[in-house]
Amino acid sequence: KGKVLDEASVITYDADTREIFAVGDEAYAMIGKT
């Protein structure tokens, strides 16, 4: 198939529960804005 994914190595999560909110480019856009 070739290259199927290219996203930022970023993950957004809850510091207490460790629940994941977003990963990749979506999480990258949240840096400094959470």
PDB file of all heavy atoms in Angstrom:
ATOM      1  N   LYS A   1       0.819  -1.215   0.000  1.00  0.00           N
ATOM      2  CA  LYS A   1       0.000   0.000   0.000  1.00  0.00           C
ATOM      3  C   LYS A   1       0.854   1.267   0.000  1.00  0.00           C
ATOM      4  O   LYS A   1       0.435   2.304  -0.494  1.00  0.00           O
ATOM      5  CB  LYS A   1      -0.936   0.031   1.217  1.00  0.00           C
ATOM      6  CG  LYS A   1      -2.086  -0.962   1.151  1.00  0.00           C
ATOM      7  CD  LYS A   1      -3.030  -0.749   2.331  1.00  0.00           C
ATOM      8  CE  LYS A   1      -4.225  -1.694   2.276  1.00  0.00           C
ATOM      9  NZ  LYS A   1      -5.139  -1.486   3.418  1.00  0.00           N
ATOM     10  N   GLY A   2       2.041   1.177   0.585  1.00  0.00           N
ATOM     11  CA  GLY A   2       2.897   2.351   0.696  1.00  0.00           C
ATOM     12  C   GLY A   2       2.671   3.098   2.006  1.00  0.00           C
ATOM     13  O   GLY A   2       2.099   2.561   2.959  1.00  0.00           O
ATOM     14  N   LYS A   3       3.099   4.355   2.047  1.00  0.00           N
ATOM     15  CA  LYS A   3       2.939   5.162   3.260  1.00  0.00           C
ATOM     16  C   LYS A   3       1.468   5.516   3.445  1.00  0.00           C
ATOM     17  O   LYS A   3       0.843   6.085   2.551  1.00  0.00           O
ATOM     18  CB  LYS A   3       3.775   6.436   3.173  1.00  0.00           C
ATOM     19  CG  LYS A   3       3.816   7.222   4.468  1.00  0.00           C
ATOM     20  CD  LYS A   3       4.666   8.469   4.366  1.00  0.00           C
ATOM     21  CE  LYS A   3       3.952   9.559   3.598  1.00  0.00           C
ATOM     22  NZ  LYS A   3       4.610  10.869   3.702  1.00  0.00           N
ATOM     23  N   VAL A   4       0.917   5.144   4.592  1.00  0.00           N
ATOM     24  CA  VAL A   4      -0.514   5.370   4.827  1.00  0.00           C
ATOM     25  C   VAL A   4      -0.769   6.375   5.942  1.00  0.00           C
ATOM     26  O   VAL A   4      -1.909   6.796   6.142  1.00  0.00           O
ATOM     27  CB  VAL A   4      -1.229   4.037   5.166  1.00  0.00           C
ATOM     28  CG1 VAL A   4      -1.171   3.084   3.990  1.00  0.00           C
ATOM     29  CG2 VAL A   4      -0.626   3.387   6.415  1.00  0.00           C
ATOM     30  N   LEU A   5       0.289   6.770   6.664  1.00  0.00           N
ATOM     31  CA  LEU A   5       0.071   7.701   7.779  1.00  0.00           C
ATOM     32  C   LEU A   5       1.305   8.551   8.004  1.00  0.00           C
ATOM     33  O   LEU A   5       2.431   8.073   7.921  1.00  0.00           O
ATOM     34  CB  LEU A   5      -0.279   6.916   9.055  1.00  0.00           C
ATOM     35  CG  LEU A   5      -0.530   7.775  10.312  1.00  0.00           C
ATOM     36  CD1 LEU A   5      -1.793   7.318  11.031  1.00  0.00           C
ATOM     37  CD2 LEU A   5       0.651   7.686  11.268  1.00  0.00           C
ATOM     38  N   ASP A   6       1.089   9.828   8.282  1.00  0.00           N
ATOM     39  CA  ASP A   6       2.154  10.764   8.610  1.00  0.00           C
ATOM     40  C   ASP A   6       1.557  11.824   9.528  1.00  0.00           C
ATOM     41  O   ASP A   6       0.962  12.794   9.076  1.00  0.00           O
ATOM     42  CB  ASP A   6       2.727  11.396   7.338  1.00  0.00           C
ATOM     43  CG  ASP A   6       3.904  12.328   7.623  1.00  0.00           C
ATOM     44  OD1 ASP A   6       4.188  12.571   8.808  1.00  0.00           O
ATOM     45  OD2 ASP A   6       4.519  12.822   6.662  1.00  0.00           O
ATOM     46  N   GLU A   7       1.695  11.622  10.838  1.00  0.00           N
ATOM     47  CA  GLU A   7       1.088  12.533  11.817  1.00  0.00           C
ATOM     48  C   GLU A   7       2.092  12.901  12.899  1.00  0.00           C
ATOM     49  O   GLU A   7       3.106  12.221  13.094  1.00  0.00           O
ATOM     50  CB  GLU A   7      -0.153  11.883  12.444  1.00  0.00           C
ATOM     51  CG  GLU A   7      -1.250  11.550  11.449  1.00  0.00           C
ATOM     52  CD  GLU A   7      -2.620  12.018  11.898  1.00  0.00           C
ATOM     53  OE1 GLU A   7      -2.725  12.754  12.897  1.00  0.00           O
ATOM     54  OE2 GLU A   7      -3.599  11.630  11.245  1.00  0.00           O
ATOM     55  N   ALA A   8       1.791  13.977  13.607  1.00  0.00           N
ATOM     56  CA  ALA A   8       2.671  14.441  14.681  1.00  0.00           C
ATOM     57  C   ALA A   8       2.727  13.414  15.808  1.00  0.00           C
ATOM     58  O   ALA A   8       1.721  12.766  16.123  1.00  0.00           O
ATOM     59  CB  ALA A   8       2.170  15.778  15.218  1.00  0.00           C
ATOM     60  N   SER A   9       3.901  13.262  16.397  1.00  0.00           N
ATOM     61  CA  SER A   9       4.073  12.344  17.532  1.00  0.00           C
ATOM     62  C   SER A   9       3.684  13.067  18.820  1.00  0.00           C
ATOM     63  O   SER A   9       4.513  13.347  19.695  1.00  0.00           O
ATOM     64  CB  SER A   9       5.522  11.863  17.609  1.00  0.00           C
ATOM     65  OG  SER A   9       5.882  11.154  16.456  1.00  0.00           O
ATOM     66  N   VAL A  10       2.408  13.359  18.927  1.00  0.00           N
ATOM     67  CA  VAL A  10       1.876  14.099  20.077  1.00  0.00           C
ATOM     68  C   VAL A  10       0.609  13.416  20.561  1.00  0.00           C
ATOM     69  O   VAL A  10      -0.171  12.890  19.748  1.00  0.00           O
ATOM     70  CB  VAL A  10       1.560  15.569  19.716  1.00  0.00           C
ATOM     71  CG1 VAL A  10       1.078  16.338  20.943  1.00  0.00           C
ATOM     72  CG2 VAL A  10       2.781  16.251  19.114  1.00  0.00           C
ATOM     73  N   ILE A  11       0.409  13.408  21.854  1.00  0.00           N
ATOM     74  CA  ILE A  11      -0.806  12.828  22.430  1.00  0.00           C
ATOM     75  C   ILE A  11      -1.334  13.757  23.510  1.00  0.00           C
ATOM     76  O   ILE A  11      -0.568  14.334  24.287  1.00  0.00           O
ATOM     77  CB  ILE A  11      -0.521  11.417  22.996  1.00  0.00           C
ATOM     78  CG1 ILE A  11      -1.800  10.734  23.469  1.00  0.00           C
ATOM     79  CG2 ILE A  11       0.525  11.462  24.105  1.00  0.00           C
ATOM     80  CD1 ILE A  11      -1.638   9.251  23.740  1.00  0.00           C
ATOM     81  N   THR A  12      -2.644  13.958  23.525  1.00  0.00           N
ATOM     82  CA  THR A  12      -3.292  14.805  24.533  1.00  0.00           C
ATOM     83  C   THR A  12      -4.093  13.913  25.469  1.00  0.00           C
ATOM     84  O   THR A  12      -4.876  13.072  25.007  1.00  0.00           O
ATOM     85  CB  THR A  12      -4.220  15.829  23.863  1.00  0.00           C
ATOM     86  OG1 THR A  12      -3.470  16.599  22.914  1.00  0.00           O
ATOM     87  CG2 THR A  12      -4.816  16.769  24.892  1.00  0.00           C
ATOM     88  N   TYR A  13      -3.899  14.101  26.785  1.00  0.00           N
ATOM     89  CA  TYR A  13      -4.534  13.193  27.754  1.00  0.00           C
ATOM     90  C   TYR A  13      -4.853  13.912  29.059  1.00  0.00           C
ATOM     91  O   TYR A  13      -4.331  15.005  29.331  1.00  0.00           O
ATOM     92  CB  TYR A  13      -3.612  12.007  28.040  1.00  0.00           C
ATOM     93  CG  TYR A  13      -2.301  12.395  28.705  1.00  0.00           C
ATOM     94  CD1 TYR A  13      -2.124  12.269  30.077  1.00  0.00           C
ATOM     95  CD2 TYR A  13      -1.236  12.904  27.961  1.00  0.00           C
ATOM     96  CE1 TYR A  13      -0.948  12.636  30.688  1.00  0.00           C
ATOM     97  CE2 TYR A  13      -0.048  13.283  28.556  1.00  0.00           C
ATOM     98  CZ  TYR A  13       0.096  13.134  29.929  1.00  0.00           C
ATOM     99  OH  TYR A  13       1.262  13.518  30.539  1.00  0.00           O
ATOM    100  N   ASP A  14      -5.722  13.281  29.851  1.00  0.00           N
ATOM    101  CA  ASP A  14      -6.073  13.797  31.176  1.00  0.00           C
ATOM    102  C   ASP A  14      -4.974  13.407  32.153  1.00  0.00           C
ATOM    103  O   ASP A  14      -4.631  12.226  32.273  1.00  0.00           O
ATOM    104  CB  ASP A  14      -7.422  13.218  31.626  1.00  0.00           C
ATOM    105  CG  ASP A  14      -7.928  13.866  32.899  1.00  0.00           C
ATOM    106  OD1 ASP A  14      -7.259  13.715  33.947  1.00  0.00           O
ATOM    107  OD2 ASP A  14      -8.992  14.516  32.867  1.00  0.00           O
ATOM    108  N   ALA A  15      -4.409  14.382  32.848  1.00  0.00           N
ATOM    109  CA  ALA A  15      -3.284  14.122  33.740  1.00  0.00           C
ATOM    110  C   ALA A  15      -3.654  13.216  34.912  1.00  0.00           C
ATOM    111  O   ALA A  15      -2.793  12.518  35.451  1.00  0.00           O
ATOM    112  CB  ALA A  15      -2.727  15.443  34.266  1.00  0.00           C
ATOM    113  N   ASP A  16      -4.919  13.206  35.318  1.00  0.00           N
ATOM    114  CA  ASP A  16      -5.341  12.403  36.469  1.00  0.00           C
ATOM    115  C   ASP A  16      -5.804  11.007  36.065  1.00  0.00           C
ATOM    116  O   ASP A  16      -5.368  10.008  36.634  1.00  0.00           O
ATOM    117  CB  ASP A  16      -6.461  13.125  37.228  1.00  0.00           C
ATOM    118  CG  ASP A  16      -5.997  14.449  37.808  1.00  0.00           C
ATOM    119  OD1 ASP A  16      -4.838  14.507  38.280  1.00  0.00           O
ATOM    120  OD2 ASP A  16      -6.774  15.422  37.777  1.00  0.00           O
ATOM    121  N   THR A  17      -6.690  10.935  35.094  1.00  0.00           N
ATOM    122  CA  THR A  17      -7.269   9.648  34.710  1.00  0.00           C
ATOM    123  C   THR A  17      -6.517   8.963  33.579  1.00  0.00           C
ATOM    124  O   THR A  17      -6.764   7.794  33.289  1.00  0.00           O
ATOM    125  CB  THR A  17      -8.733   9.831  34.284  1.00  0.00           C
ATOM    126  OG1 THR A  17      -8.782  10.628  33.081  1.00  0.00           O
ATOM    127  CG2 THR A  17      -9.523  10.540  35.373  1.00  0.00           C
ATOM    128  N   ARG A  18      -5.611   9.701  32.898  1.00  0.00           N
ATOM    129  CA  ARG A  18      -4.852   9.208  31.745  1.00  0.00           C
ATOM    130  C   ARG A  18      -5.751   8.909  30.547  1.00  0.00           C
ATOM    131  O   ARG A  18      -5.373   8.196  29.621  1.00  0.00           O
ATOM    132  CB  ARG A  18      -4.052   7.946  32.092  1.00  0.00           C
ATOM    133  CG  ARG A  18      -3.180   8.063  33.313  1.00  0.00           C
ATOM    134  CD  ARG A  18      -2.050   9.045  33.129  1.00  0.00           C
ATOM    135  NE  ARG A  18      -0.938   8.488  32.363  1.00  0.00           N
ATOM    136  CZ  ARG A  18       0.233   9.094  32.206  1.00  0.00           C
ATOM    137  NH1 ARG A  18       0.424  10.304  32.746  1.00  0.00           N
ATOM    138  NH2 ARG A  18       1.197   8.552  31.504  1.00  0.00           N
ATOM    139  N   GLU A  19      -6.950   9.461  30.555  1.00  0.00           N
ATOM    140  CA  GLU A  19      -7.851   9.286  29.413  1.00  0.00           C
ATOM    141  C   GLU A  19      -7.297  10.046  28.209  1.00  0.00           C
ATOM    142  O   GLU A  19      -6.868  11.186  28.320  1.00  0.00           O
ATOM    143  CB  GLU A  19      -9.248   9.811  29.765  1.00  0.00           C
ATOM    144  CG  GLU A  19     -10.248   9.716  28.609  1.00  0.00           C
ATOM    145  CD  GLU A  19     -11.571  10.404  28.906  1.00  0.00           C
ATOM    146  OE1 GLU A  19     -11.743  10.882  30.052  1.00  0.00           O
ATOM    147  OE2 GLU A  19     -12.404  10.481  27.998  1.00  0.00           O
ATOM    148  N   ILE A  20      -7.316   9.393  27.034  1.00  0.00           N
ATOM    149  CA  ILE A  20      -6.760   9.990  25.819  1.00  0.00           C
ATOM    150  C   ILE A  20      -7.821  10.833  25.116  1.00  0.00           C
ATOM    151  O   ILE A  20      -8.938  10.370  24.882  1.00  0.00           O
ATOM    152  CB  ILE A  20      -6.240   8.904  24.861  1.00  0.00           C
ATOM    153  CG1 ILE A  20      -5.283   7.949  25.587  1.00  0.00           C
ATOM    154  CG2 ILE A  20      -5.558   9.547  23.662  1.00  0.00           C
ATOM    155  CD1 ILE A  20      -4.082   8.603  26.185  1.00  0.00           C
ATOM    156  N   PHE A  21      -7.455  12.074  24.769  1.00  0.00           N
ATOM    157  CA  PHE A  21      -8.380  12.957  24.064  1.00  0.00           C
ATOM    158  C   PHE A  21      -8.084  13.037  22.572  1.00  0.00           C
ATOM    159  O   PHE A  21      -8.987  13.094  21.750  1.00  0.00           O
ATOM    160  CB  PHE A  21      -8.338  14.364  24.671  1.00  0.00           C
ATOM    161  CG  PHE A  21      -8.976  14.465  26.020  1.00  0.00           C
ATOM    162  CD1 PHE A  21      -8.201  14.476  27.168  1.00  0.00           C
ATOM    163  CD2 PHE A  21     -10.356  14.515  26.157  1.00  0.00           C
ATOM    164  CE1 PHE A  21      -8.780  14.554  28.421  1.00  0.00           C
ATOM    165  CE2 PHE A  21     -10.942  14.594  27.403  1.00  0.00           C
ATOM    166  CZ  PHE A  21     -10.161  14.604  28.538  1.00  0.00           C
ATOM    167  N   ALA A  22      -6.814  13.078  22.226  1.00  0.00           N
ATOM    168  CA  ALA A  22      -6.463  13.207  20.807  1.00  0.00           C
ATOM    169  C   ALA A  22      -5.032  12.734  20.602  1.00  0.00           C
ATOM    170  O   ALA A  22      -4.217  12.733  21.534  1.00  0.00           O
ATOM    171  CB  ALA A  22      -6.616  14.656  20.346  1.00  0.00           C
ATOM    172  N   VAL A  23      -4.730  12.334  19.366  1.00  0.00           N
ATOM    173  CA  VAL A  23      -3.365  11.960  19.001  1.00  0.00           C
ATOM    174  C   VAL A  23      -3.039  12.567  17.638  1.00  0.00           C
ATOM    175  O   VAL A  23      -3.937  12.998  16.904  1.00  0.00           O
ATOM    176  CB  VAL A  23      -3.180  10.425  18.940  1.00  0.00           C
ATOM    177  CG1 VAL A  23      -3.391   9.784  20.295  1.00  0.00           C
ATOM    178  CG2 VAL A  23      -4.104   9.807  17.903  1.00  0.00           C
ATOM    179  N   GLY A  24      -1.761  12.591  17.291  1.00  0.00           N
ATOM    180  CA  GLY A  24      -1.356  13.044  15.970  1.00  0.00           C
ATOM    181  C   GLY A  24      -1.483  14.548  15.765  1.00  0.00           C
ATOM    182  O   GLY A  24      -1.297  15.344  16.683  1.00  0.00           O
ATOM    183  N   ASP A  25      -1.854  14.926  14.550  1.00  0.00           N
ATOM    184  CA  ASP A  25      -1.955  16.346  14.190  1.00  0.00           C
ATOM    185  C   ASP A  25      -3.008  17.073  15.014  1.00  0.00           C
ATOM    186  O   ASP A  25      -2.862  18.254  15.333  1.00  0.00           O
ATOM    187  CB  ASP A  25      -2.276  16.490  12.697  1.00  0.00           C
ATOM    188  CG  ASP A  25      -1.119  16.044  11.815  1.00  0.00           C
ATOM    189  OD1 ASP A  25       0.024  16.006  12.316  1.00  0.00           O
ATOM    190  OD2 ASP A  25      -1.358  15.734  10.632  1.00  0.00           O
ATOM    191  N   GLU A  26      -4.084  16.364  15.354  1.00  0.00           N
ATOM    192  CA  GLU A  26      -5.139  16.976  16.178  1.00  0.00           C
ATOM    193  C   GLU A  26      -4.593  17.349  17.548  1.00  0.00           C
ATOM    194  O   GLU A  26      -4.885  18.424  18.080  1.00  0.00           O
ATOM    195  CB  GLU A  26      -6.310  15.998  16.312  1.00  0.00           C
ATOM    196  CG  GLU A  26      -7.499  16.577  17.063  1.00  0.00           C
ATOM    197  CD  GLU A  26      -8.641  15.576  17.239  1.00  0.00           C
ATOM    198  OE1 GLU A  26      -8.547  14.464  16.671  1.00  0.00           O
ATOM    199  OE2 GLU A  26      -9.611  15.915  17.947  1.00  0.00           O
ATOM    200  N   ALA A  27      -3.773  16.469  18.125  1.00  0.00           N
ATOM    201  CA  ALA A  27      -3.177  16.752  19.431  1.00  0.00           C
ATOM    202  C   ALA A  27      -2.114  17.839  19.322  1.00  0.00           C
ATOM    203  O   ALA A  27      -1.953  18.664  20.230  1.00  0.00           O
ATOM    204  CB  ALA A  27      -2.570  15.467  20.001  1.00  0.00           C
ATOM    205  N   TYR A  28      -1.383  17.870  18.205  1.00  0.00           N
ATOM    206  CA  TYR A  28      -0.347  18.884  17.996  1.00  0.00           C
ATOM    207  C   TYR A  28      -0.947  20.289  18.023  1.00  0.00           C
ATOM    208  O   TYR A  28      -0.351  21.227  18.564  1.00  0.00           O
ATOM    209  CB  TYR A  28       0.354  18.638  16.654  1.00  0.00           C
ATOM    210  CG  TYR A  28       1.411  19.659  16.312  1.00  0.00           C
ATOM    211  CD1 TYR A  28       2.695  19.560  16.823  1.00  0.00           C
ATOM    212  CD2 TYR A  28       1.116  20.735  15.467  1.00  0.00           C
ATOM    213  CE1 TYR A  28       3.670  20.501  16.503  1.00  0.00           C
ATOM    214  CE2 TYR A  28       2.078  21.678  15.145  1.00  0.00           C
ATOM    215  CZ  TYR A  28       3.357  21.559  15.667  1.00  0.00           C
ATOM    216  OH  TYR A  28       4.309  22.498  15.353  1.00  0.00           O
ATOM    217  N   ALA A  29      -2.140  20.431  17.439  1.00  0.00           N
ATOM    218  CA  ALA A  29      -2.808  21.736  17.402  1.00  0.00           C
ATOM    219  C   ALA A  29      -3.206  22.209  18.804  1.00  0.00           C
ATOM    220  O   ALA A  29      -3.508  23.381  19.005  1.00  0.00           O
ATOM    221  CB  ALA A  29      -4.040  21.670  16.504  1.00  0.00           C
ATOM    222  N   MET A  30      -3.216  21.289  19.778  1.00  0.00           N
ATOM    223  CA  MET A  30      -3.635  21.633  21.141  1.00  0.00           C
ATOM    224  C   MET A  30      -2.464  22.031  22.033  1.00  0.00           C
ATOM    225  O   MET A  30      -2.687  22.462  23.166  1.00  0.00           O
ATOM    226  CB  MET A  30      -4.353  20.437  21.780  1.00  0.00           C
ATOM    227  CG  MET A  30      -5.601  19.982  21.060  1.00  0.00           C
ATOM    228  SD  MET A  30      -6.344  18.549  21.896  1.00  0.00           S
ATOM    229  CE  MET A  30      -7.709  18.170  20.780  1.00  0.00           C
ATOM    230  N   ILE A  31      -1.222  21.875  21.566  1.00  0.00           N
ATOM    231  CA  ILE A  31      -0.070  22.199  22.413  1.00  0.00           C
ATOM    232  C   ILE A  31      -0.122  23.661  22.836  1.00  0.00           C
ATOM    233  O   ILE A  31      -0.248  24.564  22.015  1.00  0.00           O
ATOM    234  CB  ILE A  31       1.250  21.916  21.655  1.00  0.00           C
ATOM    235  CG1 ILE A  31       1.410  20.415  21.404  1.00  0.00           C
ATOM    236  CG2 ILE A  31       2.444  22.440  22.449  1.00  0.00           C
ATOM    237  CD1 ILE A  31       2.662  20.059  20.632  1.00  0.00           C
ATOM    238  N   GLY A  32      -0.020  23.875  24.146  1.00  0.00           N
ATOM    239  CA  GLY A  32      -0.054  25.232  24.684  1.00  0.00           C
ATOM    240  C   GLY A  32      -1.442  25.816  24.802  1.00  0.00           C
ATOM    241  O   GLY A  32      -1.601  26.967  25.218  1.00  0.00           O
ATOM    242  N   LYS A  33      -2.480  25.048  24.435  1.00  0.00           N
ATOM    243  CA  LYS A  33      -3.850  25.560  24.448  1.00  0.00           C
ATOM    244  C   LYS A  33      -4.783  24.729  25.325  1.00  0.00           C
ATOM    245  O   LYS A  33      -5.982  24.953  25.319  1.00  0.00           O
ATOM    246  CB  LYS A  33      -4.406  25.595  23.021  1.00  0.00           C
ATOM    247  CG  LYS A  33      -3.581  26.445  22.057  1.00  0.00           C
ATOM    248  CD  LYS A  33      -4.134  26.381  20.647  1.00  0.00           C
ATOM    249  CE  LYS A  33      -3.287  27.192  19.675  1.00  0.00           C
ATOM    250  NZ  LYS A  33      -3.801  27.141  18.287  1.00  0.00           N
ATOM    251  N   THR A  34      -4.239  23.761  26.037  1.00  0.00           N
ATOM    252  CA  THR A  34      -5.086  22.860  26.827  1.00  0.00           C
ATOM    253  C   THR A  34      -5.502  23.496  28.155  1.00  0.00           C
ATOM    254  O   THR A  34      -4.754  24.288  28.726  1.00  0.00           O
ATOM    255  CB  THR A  34      -4.345  21.543  27.113  1.00  0.00           C
ATOM    256  OG1 THR A  34      -3.091  21.845  27.754  1.00  0.00           O
ATOM    257  CG2 THR A  34      -4.090  20.776  25.835  1.00  0.00           C
TER     258      THR A  34
END
